[in-house]
Amino acid sequence: MSRAFVRESDQDAAADNVPERIVSPHPNLVTPQGLKQIDEQIRALEAERQAARSESDPSATARVARELRYWSQRRATARLVEPLPQPDAVRFGVEVKLGFEDGTERTFRLVGEDEADPGRGLISWVSPIGAALMGHEPGDTVNVLDKPAEIVELRS
């Protein structure tokens, strides 16, 4: 359909139908890097919003506004957790090296929910793996990825 036959009120309705992003009920713990990522995301979205407004694109403006509401709320509730220099147990922000019975090793860092990237070994502290590791010390055996693993080393 040609845009000539679209009423402005239809465009406004489309912009109003952008669903809100769900905000986690968990405390919004963030690492220093996670806080930096939130700030960068907000700056990028503010630039996108300006571009969408200057192009008079209501659907892009609505999408960007929704993202800005989400990230602004995450920034407002962010609780920065500085890493411990010498962690003695698995805590938020700690890197955990695990040794499995088959001789393989995996390393995970417990980070905030928005910072998680499992492919890079960054897992949310509230994920099943993060919850299984939390509070354990080197030498402890935990069930991770449906296999027993020993906590070999902790780093900040």
N, C-alpha and C. Protein backbone atom coordinates (compact mmCIF):
# COMPACT_ATOMS: atom_id res chain seq x y z
N MET A 1 0.85 -1.18 0.00
CA MET A 1 0.00 0.00 0.00
C MET A 1 0.89 1.23 0.00
N SER A 2 0.53 2.16 -0.80
CA SER A 2 1.25 3.42 -0.87
C SER A 2 1.10 4.18 0.44
N ARG A 3 2.15 4.86 0.84
CA ARG A 3 2.09 5.67 2.07
C ARG A 3 1.07 6.80 1.93
N ALA A 4 0.71 7.13 0.71
CA ALA A 4 -0.28 8.19 0.49
C ALA A 4 -1.64 7.80 1.06
N PHE A 5 -1.88 6.50 1.19
CA PHE A 5 -3.19 6.03 1.68
C PHE A 5 -3.16 5.60 3.15
N VAL A 6 -2.08 5.92 3.86
CA VAL A 6 -1.97 5.58 5.28
C VAL A 6 -2.29 6.83 6.09
N ARG A 7 -3.26 6.70 6.98
CA ARG A 7 -3.61 7.83 7.83
C ARG A 7 -2.53 8.05 8.88
N GLU A 8 -2.30 9.29 9.24
CA GLU A 8 -1.32 9.58 10.29
C GLU A 8 -1.69 8.89 11.58
N SER A 9 -2.97 8.78 11.89
CA SER A 9 -3.39 8.13 13.13
C SER A 9 -2.98 6.65 13.12
N ASP A 10 -2.93 5.99 11.94
CA ASP A 10 -2.46 4.61 11.86
C ASP A 10 -0.97 4.54 12.21
N GLN A 11 -0.20 5.50 11.76
CA GLN A 11 1.22 5.52 12.09
C GLN A 11 1.42 5.74 13.58
N ASP A 12 0.64 6.63 14.15
CA ASP A 12 0.73 6.89 15.59
C ASP A 12 0.35 5.65 16.37
N ALA A 13 -0.65 4.92 15.93
CA ALA A 13 -1.06 3.69 16.62
C ALA A 13 0.04 2.65 16.57
N ALA A 14 0.74 2.54 15.43
CA ALA A 14 1.84 1.58 15.31
C ALA A 14 2.95 1.92 16.30
N ALA A 15 3.21 3.22 16.45
CA ALA A 15 4.25 3.65 17.38
C ALA A 15 3.87 3.35 18.82
N ASP A 16 2.58 3.41 19.13
CA ASP A 16 2.12 3.14 20.50
C ASP A 16 2.11 1.65 20.83
N ASN A 17 2.22 0.79 19.84
CA ASN A 17 2.13 -0.65 20.07
C ASN A 17 3.46 -1.33 20.35
N VAL A 18 4.50 -0.58 20.61
CA VAL A 18 5.79 -1.17 20.93
C VAL A 18 5.73 -1.65 22.39
N PRO A 19 5.81 -2.97 22.61
CA PRO A 19 5.71 -3.47 23.99
C PRO A 19 6.94 -3.11 24.81
N GLU A 20 6.74 -2.92 26.09
CA GLU A 20 7.84 -2.60 26.99
C GLU A 20 8.73 -3.82 27.18
N ARG A 21 10.02 -3.59 27.40
CA ARG A 21 10.94 -4.68 27.72
C ARG A 21 10.73 -5.07 29.18
N ILE A 22 10.82 -6.35 29.44
CA ILE A 22 10.63 -6.85 30.80
C ILE A 22 11.89 -6.58 31.61
N VAL A 23 11.71 -6.02 32.78
CA VAL A 23 12.82 -5.73 33.69
C VAL A 23 12.88 -6.83 34.73
N SER A 24 14.07 -7.35 34.94
CA SER A 24 14.28 -8.44 35.89
C SER A 24 13.87 -8.03 37.30
N PRO A 25 13.33 -8.97 38.07
CA PRO A 25 12.99 -8.67 39.46
C PRO A 25 14.21 -8.73 40.39
N HIS A 26 15.35 -9.22 39.90
CA HIS A 26 16.55 -9.37 40.73
C HIS A 26 17.26 -8.02 40.89
N PRO A 27 18.03 -7.88 41.97
CA PRO A 27 18.83 -6.66 42.11
C PRO A 27 19.72 -6.48 40.88
N ASN A 28 19.88 -5.26 40.44
CA ASN A 28 20.65 -4.96 39.24
C ASN A 28 22.12 -4.74 39.58
N LEU A 29 22.79 -5.84 39.92
CA LEU A 29 24.22 -5.77 40.22
C LEU A 29 24.98 -5.61 38.91
N VAL A 30 26.00 -4.75 38.91
CA VAL A 30 26.80 -4.54 37.71
C VAL A 30 28.28 -4.47 38.08
N THR A 31 29.11 -4.94 37.17
CA THR A 31 30.55 -4.78 37.30
C THR A 31 30.90 -3.39 36.77
N PRO A 32 32.12 -2.91 37.01
CA PRO A 32 32.51 -1.63 36.41
C PRO A 32 32.35 -1.64 34.88
N GLN A 33 32.70 -2.76 34.23
CA GLN A 33 32.54 -2.86 32.78
C GLN A 33 31.06 -2.85 32.40
N GLY A 34 30.22 -3.52 33.18
CA GLY A 34 28.79 -3.53 32.91
C GLY A 34 28.17 -2.14 33.01
N LEU A 35 28.60 -1.36 33.98
CA LEU A 35 28.10 0.01 34.13
C LEU A 35 28.53 0.86 32.93
N LYS A 36 29.76 0.66 32.48
CA LYS A 36 30.24 1.38 31.31
C LYS A 36 29.41 1.00 30.07
N GLN A 37 29.08 -0.28 29.94
CA GLN A 37 28.27 -0.73 28.80
C GLN A 37 26.88 -0.10 28.82
N ILE A 38 26.28 0.01 30.01
CA ILE A 38 24.96 0.64 30.12
C ILE A 38 25.05 2.11 29.68
N ASP A 39 26.07 2.82 30.16
CA ASP A 39 26.24 4.22 29.79
C ASP A 39 26.44 4.38 28.28
N GLU A 40 27.24 3.49 27.68
CA GLU A 40 27.46 3.54 26.23
C GLU A 40 26.17 3.26 25.47
N GLN A 41 25.37 2.32 25.96
CA GLN A 41 24.10 1.98 25.32
C GLN A 41 23.16 3.19 25.34
N ILE A 42 23.10 3.88 26.46
CA ILE A 42 22.23 5.06 26.57
C ILE A 42 22.69 6.15 25.62
N ARG A 43 23.99 6.40 25.55
CA ARG A 43 24.50 7.42 24.62
C ARG A 43 24.16 7.07 23.18
N ALA A 44 24.34 5.82 22.80
CA ALA A 44 24.03 5.39 21.43
C ALA A 44 22.54 5.54 21.13
N LEU A 45 21.70 5.18 22.09
CA LEU A 45 20.25 5.29 21.89
C LEU A 45 19.80 6.75 21.80
N GLU A 46 20.43 7.63 22.56
CA GLU A 46 20.08 9.05 22.47
C GLU A 46 20.40 9.59 21.08
N ALA A 47 21.52 9.14 20.50
CA ALA A 47 21.86 9.55 19.13
C ALA A 47 20.85 8.98 18.14
N GLU A 48 20.46 7.71 18.34
CA GLU A 48 19.46 7.09 17.47
C GLU A 48 18.12 7.82 17.56
N ARG A 49 17.75 8.21 18.78
CA ARG A 49 16.49 8.93 18.97
C ARG A 49 16.50 10.24 18.19
N GLN A 50 17.61 10.94 18.28
CA GLN A 50 17.73 12.22 17.57
C GLN A 50 17.60 12.00 16.06
N ALA A 51 18.24 10.95 15.54
CA ALA A 51 18.17 10.64 14.11
C ALA A 51 16.74 10.27 13.71
N ALA A 52 16.08 9.45 14.52
CA ALA A 52 14.70 9.04 14.21
C ALA A 52 13.76 10.24 14.22
N ARG A 53 13.95 11.15 15.16
CA ARG A 53 13.12 12.35 15.22
C ARG A 53 13.35 13.24 14.00
N SER A 54 14.62 13.40 13.62
CA SER A 54 14.91 14.27 12.47
C SER A 54 14.41 13.66 11.17
N GLU A 55 14.29 12.35 11.11
CA GLU A 55 13.74 11.68 9.93
C GLU A 55 12.22 11.54 10.01
N SER A 56 11.64 12.01 11.09
CA SER A 56 10.19 11.89 11.32
C SER A 56 9.71 10.45 11.15
N ASP A 57 10.41 9.54 11.83
CA ASP A 57 10.09 8.11 11.75
C ASP A 57 9.46 7.68 13.08
N PRO A 58 8.11 7.67 13.15
CA PRO A 58 7.45 7.37 14.43
C PRO A 58 7.72 5.96 14.93
N SER A 59 7.85 4.99 14.03
CA SER A 59 8.09 3.63 14.50
C SER A 59 9.49 3.49 15.09
N ALA A 60 10.50 4.09 14.45
CA ALA A 60 11.86 4.06 15.00
C ALA A 60 11.93 4.86 16.29
N THR A 61 11.24 6.00 16.33
CA THR A 61 11.23 6.82 17.54
C THR A 61 10.63 6.04 18.70
N ALA A 62 9.55 5.31 18.46
CA ALA A 62 8.91 4.52 19.51
C ALA A 62 9.82 3.38 19.98
N ARG A 63 10.47 2.71 19.03
CA ARG A 63 11.37 1.60 19.39
C ARG A 63 12.53 2.11 20.24
N VAL A 64 13.13 3.21 19.80
CA VAL A 64 14.27 3.77 20.53
C VAL A 64 13.83 4.29 21.89
N ALA A 65 12.65 4.90 21.97
CA ALA A 65 12.15 5.40 23.25
C ALA A 65 11.96 4.25 24.24
N ARG A 66 11.44 3.13 23.74
CA ARG A 66 11.28 1.96 24.61
C ARG A 66 12.64 1.49 25.13
N GLU A 67 13.62 1.39 24.23
CA GLU A 67 14.96 0.96 24.64
C GLU A 67 15.57 1.94 25.63
N LEU A 68 15.38 3.23 25.41
CA LEU A 68 15.90 4.24 26.34
C LEU A 68 15.25 4.13 27.71
N ARG A 69 13.93 3.86 27.74
CA ARG A 69 13.26 3.67 29.04
C ARG A 69 13.87 2.49 29.78
N TYR A 70 14.09 1.39 29.06
CA TYR A 70 14.66 0.19 29.68
C TYR A 70 16.06 0.48 30.23
N TRP A 71 16.95 1.01 29.37
CA TRP A 71 18.33 1.22 29.80
C TRP A 71 18.46 2.33 30.83
N SER A 72 17.61 3.34 30.76
CA SER A 72 17.63 4.39 31.79
C SER A 72 17.20 3.84 33.14
N GLN A 73 16.21 2.95 33.12
CA GLN A 73 15.77 2.30 34.36
C GLN A 73 16.89 1.41 34.90
N ARG A 74 17.56 0.66 34.02
CA ARG A 74 18.67 -0.20 34.45
C ARG A 74 19.81 0.64 35.02
N ARG A 75 20.05 1.80 34.43
CA ARG A 75 21.11 2.68 34.94
C ARG A 75 20.73 3.22 36.31
N ALA A 76 19.48 3.60 36.47
CA ALA A 76 19.01 4.17 37.74
C ALA A 76 19.06 3.14 38.87
N THR A 77 18.88 1.87 38.55
CA THR A 77 18.86 0.84 39.60
C THR A 77 20.17 0.08 39.71
N ALA A 78 21.17 0.44 38.89
CA ALA A 78 22.45 -0.27 38.90
C ALA A 78 23.14 -0.14 40.25
N ARG A 79 23.61 -1.28 40.74
CA ARG A 79 24.39 -1.30 41.99
C ARG A 79 25.78 -1.81 41.65
N LEU A 80 26.72 -0.89 41.58
CA LEU A 80 28.09 -1.22 41.22
C LEU A 80 28.73 -2.08 42.30
N VAL A 81 29.31 -3.21 41.87
CA VAL A 81 30.03 -4.10 42.78
C VAL A 81 31.48 -4.16 42.31
N GLU A 82 32.36 -3.58 43.10
CA GLU A 82 33.79 -3.59 42.77
C GLU A 82 34.36 -4.98 43.05
N PRO A 83 35.27 -5.46 42.20
CA PRO A 83 35.84 -6.79 42.42
C PRO A 83 36.74 -6.82 43.66
N LEU A 84 36.73 -7.96 44.33
CA LEU A 84 37.62 -8.15 45.48
C LEU A 84 39.01 -8.48 44.94
N PRO A 85 40.07 -7.94 45.57
CA PRO A 85 41.41 -8.21 45.06
C PRO A 85 41.81 -9.68 45.18
N GLN A 86 41.43 -10.33 46.25
CA GLN A 86 41.77 -11.73 46.48
C GLN A 86 40.52 -12.50 46.90
N PRO A 87 39.65 -12.89 45.96
CA PRO A 87 38.42 -13.58 46.35
C PRO A 87 38.71 -14.95 46.97
N ASP A 88 38.00 -15.27 48.05
CA ASP A 88 38.17 -16.57 48.70
C ASP A 88 36.98 -17.48 48.43
N ALA A 89 35.93 -16.94 47.83
CA ALA A 89 34.74 -17.72 47.48
C ALA A 89 34.13 -17.08 46.23
N VAL A 90 33.30 -17.86 45.55
CA VAL A 90 32.66 -17.35 44.34
C VAL A 90 31.65 -16.29 44.75
N ARG A 91 31.82 -15.12 44.19
CA ARG A 91 30.94 -13.98 44.42
C ARG A 91 30.70 -13.30 43.08
N PHE A 92 29.83 -12.31 43.10
CA PHE A 92 29.57 -11.51 41.91
C PHE A 92 30.87 -10.88 41.44
N GLY A 93 31.13 -10.93 40.14
CA GLY A 93 32.32 -10.33 39.54
C GLY A 93 33.54 -11.22 39.53
N VAL A 94 33.49 -12.36 40.19
CA VAL A 94 34.65 -13.24 40.29
C VAL A 94 34.72 -14.16 39.07
N GLU A 95 35.95 -14.41 38.61
CA GLU A 95 36.19 -15.37 37.55
C GLU A 95 36.50 -16.72 38.19
N VAL A 96 35.81 -17.76 37.71
CA VAL A 96 35.90 -19.09 38.30
C VAL A 96 36.44 -20.07 37.26
N LYS A 97 37.53 -20.74 37.60
CA LYS A 97 38.07 -21.78 36.71
C LYS A 97 37.62 -23.13 37.27
N LEU A 98 36.95 -23.90 36.39
CA LEU A 98 36.42 -25.20 36.79
C LEU A 98 37.19 -26.31 36.08
N GLY A 99 37.43 -27.40 36.81
CA GLY A 99 38.04 -28.59 36.22
C GLY A 99 37.04 -29.72 36.25
N PHE A 100 36.81 -30.34 35.08
CA PHE A 100 35.87 -31.44 34.97
C PHE A 100 36.61 -32.78 35.02
N GLU A 101 35.87 -33.84 35.33
CA GLU A 101 36.46 -35.17 35.48
C GLU A 101 37.20 -35.64 34.23
N ASP A 102 36.75 -35.20 33.05
CA ASP A 102 37.39 -35.63 31.80
C ASP A 102 38.66 -34.84 31.48
N GLY A 103 39.08 -33.97 32.39
CA GLY A 103 40.30 -33.20 32.21
C GLY A 103 40.10 -31.84 31.56
N THR A 104 38.91 -31.55 31.08
CA THR A 104 38.66 -30.24 30.48
C THR A 104 38.48 -29.18 31.55
N GLU A 105 38.73 -27.96 31.17
CA GLU A 105 38.55 -26.83 32.07
C GLU A 105 37.69 -25.77 31.38
N ARG A 106 36.90 -25.07 32.16
CA ARG A 106 36.07 -23.97 31.67
C ARG A 106 36.21 -22.83 32.67
N THR A 107 36.18 -21.62 32.15
CA THR A 107 36.27 -20.44 33.00
C THR A 107 35.04 -19.57 32.77
N PHE A 108 34.45 -19.14 33.88
CA PHE A 108 33.27 -18.29 33.84
C PHE A 108 33.51 -17.08 34.74
N ARG A 109 32.93 -15.94 34.36
CA ARG A 109 32.91 -14.76 35.24
C ARG A 109 31.46 -14.45 35.53
N LEU A 110 31.12 -14.28 36.81
CA LEU A 110 29.75 -13.96 37.20
C LEU A 110 29.54 -12.46 37.08
N VAL A 111 28.61 -12.08 36.23
CA VAL A 111 28.36 -10.67 35.91
C VAL A 111 26.87 -10.37 36.02
N GLY A 112 26.51 -9.12 35.76
CA GLY A 112 25.12 -8.70 35.78
C GLY A 112 24.34 -9.29 34.61
N GLU A 113 23.03 -9.28 34.74
CA GLU A 113 22.16 -9.89 33.73
C GLU A 113 22.32 -9.27 32.35
N ASP A 114 22.44 -7.95 32.27
CA ASP A 114 22.56 -7.28 30.98
C ASP A 114 23.95 -7.44 30.38
N GLU A 115 24.91 -7.80 31.18
CA GLU A 115 26.30 -7.94 30.74
C GLU A 115 26.61 -9.37 30.29
N ALA A 116 25.75 -10.31 30.61
CA ALA A 116 26.01 -11.72 30.34
C ALA A 116 26.21 -11.98 28.85
N ASP A 117 27.20 -12.81 28.56
CA ASP A 117 27.51 -13.26 27.20
C ASP A 117 28.14 -14.65 27.34
N PRO A 118 27.31 -15.70 27.41
CA PRO A 118 27.84 -17.04 27.68
C PRO A 118 28.93 -17.48 26.71
N GLY A 119 28.86 -17.07 25.46
CA GLY A 119 29.88 -17.44 24.49
C GLY A 119 31.26 -16.92 24.86
N ARG A 120 31.30 -15.84 25.62
CA ARG A 120 32.56 -15.25 26.09
C ARG A 120 32.87 -15.63 27.53
N GLY A 121 32.07 -16.56 28.10
CA GLY A 121 32.30 -16.99 29.48
C GLY A 121 31.74 -16.04 30.52
N LEU A 122 30.95 -15.06 30.11
CA LEU A 122 30.31 -14.12 31.04
C LEU A 122 28.91 -14.62 31.32
N ILE A 123 28.67 -15.08 32.55
CA ILE A 123 27.36 -15.62 32.88
C ILE A 123 26.71 -14.80 33.99
N SER A 124 25.42 -14.70 33.90
CA SER A 124 24.67 -13.94 34.89
C SER A 124 24.77 -14.62 36.25
N TRP A 125 24.88 -13.81 37.26
CA TRP A 125 24.95 -14.34 38.62
C TRP A 125 23.66 -15.03 39.03
N VAL A 126 22.54 -14.76 38.33
CA VAL A 126 21.27 -15.40 38.67
C VAL A 126 20.95 -16.57 37.73
N SER A 127 21.84 -16.88 36.80
CA SER A 127 21.63 -18.02 35.90
C SER A 127 21.79 -19.31 36.71
N PRO A 128 21.34 -20.44 36.18
CA PRO A 128 21.53 -21.71 36.91
C PRO A 128 23.00 -22.00 37.23
N ILE A 129 23.91 -21.73 36.28
CA ILE A 129 25.33 -21.97 36.56
C ILE A 129 25.82 -20.99 37.63
N GLY A 130 25.47 -19.73 37.48
CA GLY A 130 25.89 -18.73 38.46
C GLY A 130 25.39 -19.06 39.86
N ALA A 131 24.13 -19.45 39.96
CA ALA A 131 23.56 -19.81 41.26
C ALA A 131 24.25 -21.04 41.84
N ALA A 132 24.61 -22.01 40.99
CA ALA A 132 25.28 -23.23 41.46
C ALA A 132 26.68 -22.92 42.01
N LEU A 133 27.34 -21.95 41.44
CA LEU A 133 28.71 -21.61 41.84
C LEU A 133 28.78 -20.69 43.05
N MET A 134 27.78 -19.83 43.20
CA MET A 134 27.81 -18.79 44.22
C MET A 134 28.10 -19.33 45.62
N GLY A 135 29.10 -18.73 46.28
CA GLY A 135 29.43 -19.06 47.66
C GLY A 135 30.41 -20.20 47.82
N HIS A 136 30.71 -20.92 46.75
CA HIS A 136 31.65 -22.05 46.85
C HIS A 136 33.09 -21.56 46.82
N GLU A 137 33.99 -22.41 47.33
CA GLU A 137 35.41 -22.07 47.44
C GLU A 137 36.25 -23.01 46.60
N PRO A 138 37.52 -22.63 46.35
CA PRO A 138 38.40 -23.55 45.62
C PRO A 138 38.46 -24.91 46.33
N GLY A 139 38.42 -25.96 45.53
CA GLY A 139 38.41 -27.32 46.07
C GLY A 139 37.02 -27.91 46.18
N ASP A 140 35.99 -27.06 46.22
CA ASP A 140 34.61 -27.55 46.27
C ASP A 140 34.24 -28.17 44.93
N THR A 141 33.38 -29.19 45.00
CA THR A 141 32.83 -29.79 43.79
C THR A 141 31.39 -29.33 43.65
N VAL A 142 31.06 -28.85 42.45
CA VAL A 142 29.71 -28.37 42.17
C VAL A 142 29.20 -29.05 40.90
N ASN A 143 27.88 -29.11 40.75
CA ASN A 143 27.29 -29.68 39.56
C ASN A 143 27.03 -28.55 38.56
N VAL A 144 27.78 -28.58 37.46
CA VAL A 144 27.68 -27.54 36.43
C VAL A 144 27.56 -28.22 35.08
N LEU A 145 26.62 -27.77 34.29
CA LEU A 145 26.39 -28.35 32.96
C LEU A 145 26.12 -29.85 33.07
N ASP A 146 25.38 -30.22 34.11
CA ASP A 146 25.00 -31.61 34.39
C ASP A 146 26.19 -32.52 34.62
N LYS A 147 27.31 -31.95 35.06
CA LYS A 147 28.51 -32.73 35.37
C LYS A 147 29.15 -32.17 36.63
N PRO A 148 29.78 -33.04 37.42
CA PRO A 148 30.52 -32.52 38.57
C PRO A 148 31.79 -31.82 38.10
N ALA A 149 32.10 -30.71 38.75
CA ALA A 149 33.31 -29.95 38.42
C ALA A 149 33.91 -29.42 39.71
N GLU A 150 35.22 -29.39 39.74
CA GLU A 150 35.92 -28.85 40.90
C GLU A 150 36.28 -27.39 40.62
N ILE A 151 36.08 -26.55 41.64
CA ILE A 151 36.51 -25.15 41.53
C ILE A 151 38.02 -25.15 41.73
N VAL A 152 38.75 -24.83 40.65
CA VAL A 152 40.20 -24.90 40.64
C VAL A 152 40.82 -23.59 41.09
N GLU A 153 40.27 -22.47 40.62
CA GLU A 153 40.88 -21.17 40.88
C GLU A 153 39.85 -20.07 40.83
N LEU A 154 40.08 -19.03 41.62
CA LEU A 154 39.26 -17.83 41.61
C LEU A 154 40.14 -16.62 41.33
N ARG A 155 39.66 -15.72 40.47
CA ARG A 155 40.39 -14.49 40.18
C ARG A 155 39.41 -13.33 40.18
N SER A 156 39.92 -12.15 40.50
CA SER A 156 39.06 -10.96 40.45
C SER A 156 39.08 -10.35 39.08
